[in-house]
């Protein structure tokens, strides 16, 4: 017997969802799939998000805006990583094509 689980088309896999915990008053910690993303600290009626490397990502009057700053920072990193991968694949395909053309031209001259 095989059991198949399916997700609705609009549902996100659990590993892509950001989880927020509040270990102390005025402090919230974000993680995704068990990986630490950053935190938001409340001081003087403002919210100060910090990314996974401890870098400040601004100061906000609204908690939701601070949360978005943490998640947006990680989405940007994911997009940059994808862009680098696509660039490497494109360069590899161009090199492979150039090699094929060079081989074909050399073969035709014989």
N, C-alpha and C. Protein backbone atom coordinates (compact mmCIF):
# COMPACT_ATOMS: atom_id res chain seq x y z
N UNK A 1 0.84 -1.17 0.00
CA UNK A 1 0.00 0.00 0.00
C UNK A 1 0.89 1.24 0.00
N UNK A 2 0.57 2.20 -0.84
CA UNK A 2 1.33 3.44 -0.95
C UNK A 2 0.47 4.61 -0.52
N UNK A 3 1.04 5.44 0.31
CA UNK A 3 0.35 6.63 0.77
C UNK A 3 0.98 7.84 0.11
N UNK A 4 0.18 8.62 -0.59
CA UNK A 4 0.69 9.81 -1.26
C UNK A 4 0.09 11.04 -0.61
N UNK A 5 0.94 11.99 -0.30
CA UNK A 5 0.49 13.25 0.27
C UNK A 5 0.64 14.32 -0.78
N UNK A 6 -0.37 15.15 -0.91
CA UNK A 6 -0.27 16.23 -1.87
C UNK A 6 -0.64 17.53 -1.18
N UNK A 7 -0.07 18.61 -1.68
CA UNK A 7 -0.34 19.94 -1.17
C UNK A 7 -1.25 20.66 -2.14
N UNK A 8 -2.16 21.48 -1.64
CA UNK A 8 -2.93 22.31 -2.57
C UNK A 8 -1.98 23.15 -3.42
N UNK A 9 -2.41 23.49 -4.62
CA UNK A 9 -1.54 24.22 -5.55
C UNK A 9 -1.03 25.53 -4.98
N UNK A 10 -1.83 26.20 -4.15
CA UNK A 10 -1.41 27.49 -3.62
C UNK A 10 -0.70 27.39 -2.28
N UNK A 11 -0.55 26.20 -1.73
CA UNK A 11 0.11 26.04 -0.43
C UNK A 11 1.61 26.02 -0.62
N UNK A 12 2.31 26.61 0.36
CA UNK A 12 3.76 26.60 0.33
C UNK A 12 4.26 25.41 1.14
N UNK A 13 5.36 24.79 0.73
CA UNK A 13 5.94 23.73 1.55
C UNK A 13 6.31 24.31 2.92
N UNK A 14 6.21 23.50 3.95
CA UNK A 14 6.48 23.98 5.30
C UNK A 14 7.88 24.54 5.45
N UNK A 15 8.85 24.00 4.72
CA UNK A 15 10.23 24.47 4.84
C UNK A 15 10.42 25.88 4.30
N UNK A 16 9.44 26.39 3.51
CA UNK A 16 9.58 27.74 2.98
C UNK A 16 8.89 28.78 3.85
N UNK A 17 8.13 28.33 4.86
CA UNK A 17 7.42 29.25 5.73
C UNK A 17 8.34 29.77 6.84
N UNK A 18 8.17 31.02 7.18
CA UNK A 18 8.95 31.62 8.25
C UNK A 18 8.22 31.38 9.57
N UNK A 19 8.94 30.90 10.55
CA UNK A 19 8.39 30.64 11.87
C UNK A 19 8.93 31.69 12.84
N UNK A 20 8.05 32.28 13.63
CA UNK A 20 8.43 33.30 14.60
C UNK A 20 8.20 32.78 16.01
N UNK A 21 9.20 32.96 16.89
CA UNK A 21 9.08 32.61 18.30
C UNK A 21 9.48 33.82 19.13
N UNK A 22 8.89 33.94 20.31
CA UNK A 22 9.24 35.04 21.21
C UNK A 22 9.79 34.45 22.51
N UNK A 23 11.14 34.32 22.59
CA UNK A 23 11.73 33.72 23.78
C UNK A 23 11.72 34.67 24.99
N UNK A 24 11.51 35.95 24.75
CA UNK A 24 11.52 36.94 25.83
C UNK A 24 10.63 38.11 25.41
N UNK A 25 10.21 38.87 26.38
CA UNK A 25 9.37 40.03 26.09
C UNK A 25 10.15 41.04 25.25
N UNK A 26 9.56 41.45 24.12
CA UNK A 26 10.20 42.43 23.24
C UNK A 26 11.25 41.84 22.31
N UNK A 27 11.26 40.51 22.18
CA UNK A 27 12.24 39.86 21.31
C UNK A 27 11.54 38.74 20.54
N UNK A 28 11.71 38.74 19.21
CA UNK A 28 11.14 37.73 18.34
C UNK A 28 12.24 37.17 17.45
N UNK A 29 12.25 35.86 17.29
CA UNK A 29 13.28 35.18 16.51
C UNK A 29 12.62 34.47 15.33
N UNK A 30 13.21 34.65 14.14
CA UNK A 30 12.66 34.06 12.92
C UNK A 30 13.54 32.91 12.45
N UNK A 31 12.87 31.86 11.95
CA UNK A 31 13.60 30.74 11.35
C UNK A 31 12.78 30.17 10.20
N UNK A 32 13.45 29.49 9.30
CA UNK A 32 12.79 28.82 8.18
C UNK A 32 13.43 27.45 8.04
N UNK A 33 12.61 26.42 8.17
CA UNK A 33 13.13 25.06 8.06
C UNK A 33 14.22 24.76 9.06
N UNK A 34 14.16 25.36 10.25
CA UNK A 34 15.17 25.16 11.29
C UNK A 34 16.38 26.05 11.16
N UNK A 35 16.46 26.86 10.10
CA UNK A 35 17.61 27.75 9.89
C UNK A 35 17.28 29.14 10.43
N UNK A 36 18.18 29.67 11.24
CA UNK A 36 18.01 31.00 11.84
C UNK A 36 18.05 32.08 10.77
N UNK A 37 17.02 32.94 10.74
CA UNK A 37 16.94 34.01 9.75
C UNK A 37 17.29 35.38 10.33
N UNK A 38 16.98 35.57 11.60
CA UNK A 38 17.23 36.86 12.21
C UNK A 38 16.29 37.06 13.39
N UNK A 39 16.28 38.31 13.89
CA UNK A 39 15.42 38.60 15.03
C UNK A 39 14.94 40.04 14.98
N UNK A 40 13.90 40.31 15.75
CA UNK A 40 13.37 41.66 15.89
C UNK A 40 13.34 41.98 17.38
N UNK A 41 13.89 43.13 17.73
CA UNK A 41 13.92 43.56 19.12
C UNK A 41 13.14 44.87 19.24
N UNK A 42 12.32 44.95 20.29
CA UNK A 42 11.55 46.19 20.51
C UNK A 42 12.24 46.99 21.61
N UNK A 43 12.58 48.26 21.25
CA UNK A 43 13.18 49.20 22.19
C UNK A 43 12.60 50.58 21.92
N UNK A 44 12.27 51.30 22.95
CA UNK A 44 11.78 52.67 22.83
C UNK A 44 10.64 52.79 21.81
N UNK A 45 9.70 51.86 21.88
CA UNK A 45 8.52 51.86 21.00
C UNK A 45 8.86 51.75 19.51
N UNK A 46 10.01 51.19 19.19
CA UNK A 46 10.41 50.94 17.81
C UNK A 46 10.88 49.50 17.69
N UNK A 47 10.89 48.99 16.46
CA UNK A 47 11.29 47.62 16.21
C UNK A 47 12.57 47.62 15.37
N UNK A 48 13.56 46.85 15.86
CA UNK A 48 14.87 46.82 15.23
C UNK A 48 15.18 45.40 14.74
N UNK A 49 15.01 45.13 13.44
CA UNK A 49 15.32 43.80 12.91
C UNK A 49 16.82 43.65 12.66
N UNK A 50 17.29 42.44 12.88
CA UNK A 50 18.69 42.09 12.66
C UNK A 50 18.72 40.80 11.85
N UNK A 51 19.55 40.75 10.80
CA UNK A 51 19.57 39.54 9.95
C UNK A 51 20.36 38.41 10.61
N UNK A 52 20.48 37.30 9.91
CA UNK A 52 21.13 36.10 10.45
C UNK A 52 22.60 36.31 10.77
N UNK A 53 23.21 37.32 10.17
CA UNK A 53 24.62 37.61 10.43
C UNK A 53 24.81 38.72 11.45
N UNK A 54 23.71 39.16 12.07
CA UNK A 54 23.79 40.19 13.11
C UNK A 54 23.80 41.61 12.58
N UNK A 55 23.54 41.79 11.30
CA UNK A 55 23.53 43.13 10.71
C UNK A 55 22.15 43.76 10.88
N UNK A 56 22.14 45.03 11.24
CA UNK A 56 20.89 45.76 11.38
C UNK A 56 20.27 45.97 10.00
N UNK A 57 18.95 45.77 9.92
CA UNK A 57 18.25 46.00 8.65
C UNK A 57 17.20 47.09 8.80
N UNK A 58 17.47 48.04 9.68
CA UNK A 58 16.60 49.20 9.79
C UNK A 58 15.96 49.36 11.15
N UNK A 59 15.06 50.31 11.20
CA UNK A 59 14.29 50.62 12.40
C UNK A 59 12.87 50.94 11.95
N UNK A 60 11.88 50.34 12.59
CA UNK A 60 10.50 50.46 12.14
C UNK A 60 9.57 50.79 13.31
N UNK A 61 8.51 51.52 13.00
CA UNK A 61 7.48 51.80 13.99
C UNK A 61 6.50 50.65 14.09
N UNK A 62 6.45 49.81 13.06
CA UNK A 62 5.47 48.74 12.96
C UNK A 62 6.17 47.38 13.00
N UNK A 63 5.67 46.46 13.82
CA UNK A 63 6.26 45.14 13.95
C UNK A 63 6.21 44.36 12.63
N UNK A 64 5.09 44.45 11.93
CA UNK A 64 4.93 43.74 10.66
C UNK A 64 5.98 44.18 9.64
N UNK A 65 6.26 45.48 9.59
CA UNK A 65 7.29 45.99 8.67
C UNK A 65 8.66 45.42 9.03
N UNK A 66 8.93 45.29 10.32
CA UNK A 66 10.21 44.72 10.76
C UNK A 66 10.30 43.25 10.37
N UNK A 67 9.18 42.52 10.50
CA UNK A 67 9.15 41.12 10.08
C UNK A 67 9.43 40.99 8.58
N UNK A 68 8.80 41.83 7.81
CA UNK A 68 8.99 41.81 6.36
C UNK A 68 10.45 42.10 6.01
N UNK A 69 11.07 43.00 6.75
CA UNK A 69 12.48 43.33 6.50
C UNK A 69 13.37 42.10 6.69
N UNK A 70 13.07 41.27 7.69
CA UNK A 70 13.84 40.05 7.91
C UNK A 70 13.61 39.07 6.77
N UNK A 71 12.37 38.81 6.43
CA UNK A 71 12.05 37.84 5.39
C UNK A 71 12.49 38.34 4.01
N UNK A 72 12.31 39.63 3.74
CA UNK A 72 12.72 40.20 2.45
C UNK A 72 14.22 40.05 2.25
N UNK A 73 14.99 40.27 3.30
CA UNK A 73 16.44 40.15 3.21
C UNK A 73 16.82 38.73 2.78
N UNK A 74 16.18 37.72 3.32
CA UNK A 74 16.49 36.34 2.96
C UNK A 74 15.98 35.99 1.58
N UNK A 75 14.86 36.54 1.16
CA UNK A 75 14.38 36.30 -0.20
C UNK A 75 15.35 36.88 -1.21
N UNK A 76 15.92 38.04 -0.90
CA UNK A 76 16.90 38.66 -1.79
C UNK A 76 18.13 37.78 -1.93
N UNK A 77 18.58 37.19 -0.83
CA UNK A 77 19.74 36.28 -0.88
C UNK A 77 19.42 35.09 -1.77
N UNK A 78 18.21 34.51 -1.62
CA UNK A 78 17.81 33.38 -2.46
C UNK A 78 17.79 33.76 -3.94
N UNK A 79 17.27 34.94 -4.25
CA UNK A 79 17.22 35.38 -5.64
C UNK A 79 18.62 35.61 -6.19
N UNK A 80 19.52 36.18 -5.39
CA UNK A 80 20.90 36.39 -5.83
C UNK A 80 21.57 35.04 -6.12
N UNK A 81 21.32 34.07 -5.27
CA UNK A 81 21.90 32.73 -5.46
C UNK A 81 21.38 32.12 -6.76
N UNK A 82 20.09 32.25 -7.01
CA UNK A 82 19.51 31.72 -8.24
C UNK A 82 20.11 32.41 -9.46
N UNK A 83 20.29 33.72 -9.36
CA UNK A 83 20.85 34.47 -10.48
C UNK A 83 22.27 34.00 -10.78
N UNK A 84 23.07 33.74 -9.76
CA UNK A 84 24.43 33.25 -9.97
C UNK A 84 24.42 31.88 -10.63
N UNK A 85 23.50 31.02 -10.21
CA UNK A 85 23.41 29.68 -10.79
C UNK A 85 23.02 29.77 -12.26
N UNK A 86 22.04 30.60 -12.57
CA UNK A 86 21.60 30.77 -13.96
C UNK A 86 22.73 31.33 -14.81
N UNK A 87 23.49 32.28 -14.27
CA UNK A 87 24.62 32.85 -15.00
C UNK A 87 25.67 31.78 -15.29
N UNK A 88 25.98 30.94 -14.31
CA UNK A 88 26.97 29.88 -14.51
C UNK A 88 26.50 28.87 -15.57
N UNK A 89 25.23 28.53 -15.53
CA UNK A 89 24.69 27.59 -16.52
C UNK A 89 24.77 28.20 -17.91
N UNK A 90 24.42 29.49 -18.03
CA UNK A 90 24.48 30.17 -19.32
C UNK A 90 25.90 30.20 -19.86
N UNK A 91 26.87 30.51 -19.02
CA UNK A 91 28.27 30.54 -19.45
C UNK A 91 28.73 29.15 -19.87
N UNK A 92 28.33 28.13 -19.12
CA UNK A 92 28.69 26.76 -19.47
C UNK A 92 28.11 26.33 -20.81
N UNK A 93 26.84 26.68 -21.03
CA UNK A 93 26.22 26.35 -22.32
C UNK A 93 26.87 27.09 -23.47
N UNK A 94 27.23 28.35 -23.25
CA UNK A 94 27.90 29.13 -24.30
C UNK A 94 29.27 28.52 -24.63
N UNK A 95 30.00 28.13 -23.60
CA UNK A 95 31.31 27.51 -23.82
C UNK A 95 31.16 26.18 -24.56
N UNK A 96 30.18 25.39 -24.16
CA UNK A 96 29.94 24.11 -24.82
C UNK A 96 29.55 24.31 -26.28
N UNK A 97 28.72 25.32 -26.55
CA UNK A 97 28.31 25.63 -27.93
C UNK A 97 29.52 26.08 -28.75
N UNK A 98 30.35 26.93 -28.17
CA UNK A 98 31.55 27.40 -28.88
C UNK A 98 32.48 26.24 -29.20
N UNK A 99 32.61 25.31 -28.29
CA UNK A 99 33.45 24.14 -28.51
C UNK A 99 32.87 23.28 -29.64
N UNK A 100 31.56 23.12 -29.64
CA UNK A 100 30.91 22.35 -30.71
C UNK A 100 31.07 23.00 -32.06
N UNK A 101 30.94 24.31 -32.13
CA UNK A 101 31.10 25.04 -33.39
C UNK A 101 32.54 24.93 -33.88
N UNK A 102 33.49 25.08 -32.95
CA UNK A 102 34.90 24.96 -33.31
C UNK A 102 35.20 23.57 -33.86
N UNK A 103 34.66 22.55 -33.22
CA UNK A 103 34.87 21.19 -33.68
C UNK A 103 34.25 20.99 -35.07
N UNK A 104 33.02 21.49 -35.26
CA UNK A 104 32.33 21.34 -36.55
C UNK A 104 33.09 22.05 -37.67
N UNK A 105 33.59 23.25 -37.40
CA UNK A 105 34.35 23.98 -38.43
C UNK A 105 35.66 23.26 -38.76
N UNK A 106 36.30 22.72 -37.76
CA UNK A 106 37.54 21.97 -37.99
C UNK A 106 37.27 20.70 -38.78
N UNK A 107 36.15 20.06 -38.51
CA UNK A 107 35.78 18.83 -39.21
C UNK A 107 35.45 19.13 -40.67
N UNK A 108 34.82 20.28 -40.94
CA UNK A 108 34.43 20.63 -42.29
C UNK A 108 35.65 21.00 -43.14
N UNK A 109 36.70 21.46 -42.54
CA UNK A 109 37.90 21.87 -43.30
C UNK A 109 38.73 20.67 -43.74
N UNK A 110 38.45 19.51 -43.24
CA UNK A 110 39.25 18.32 -43.60
C UNK A 110 38.87 17.82 -44.94
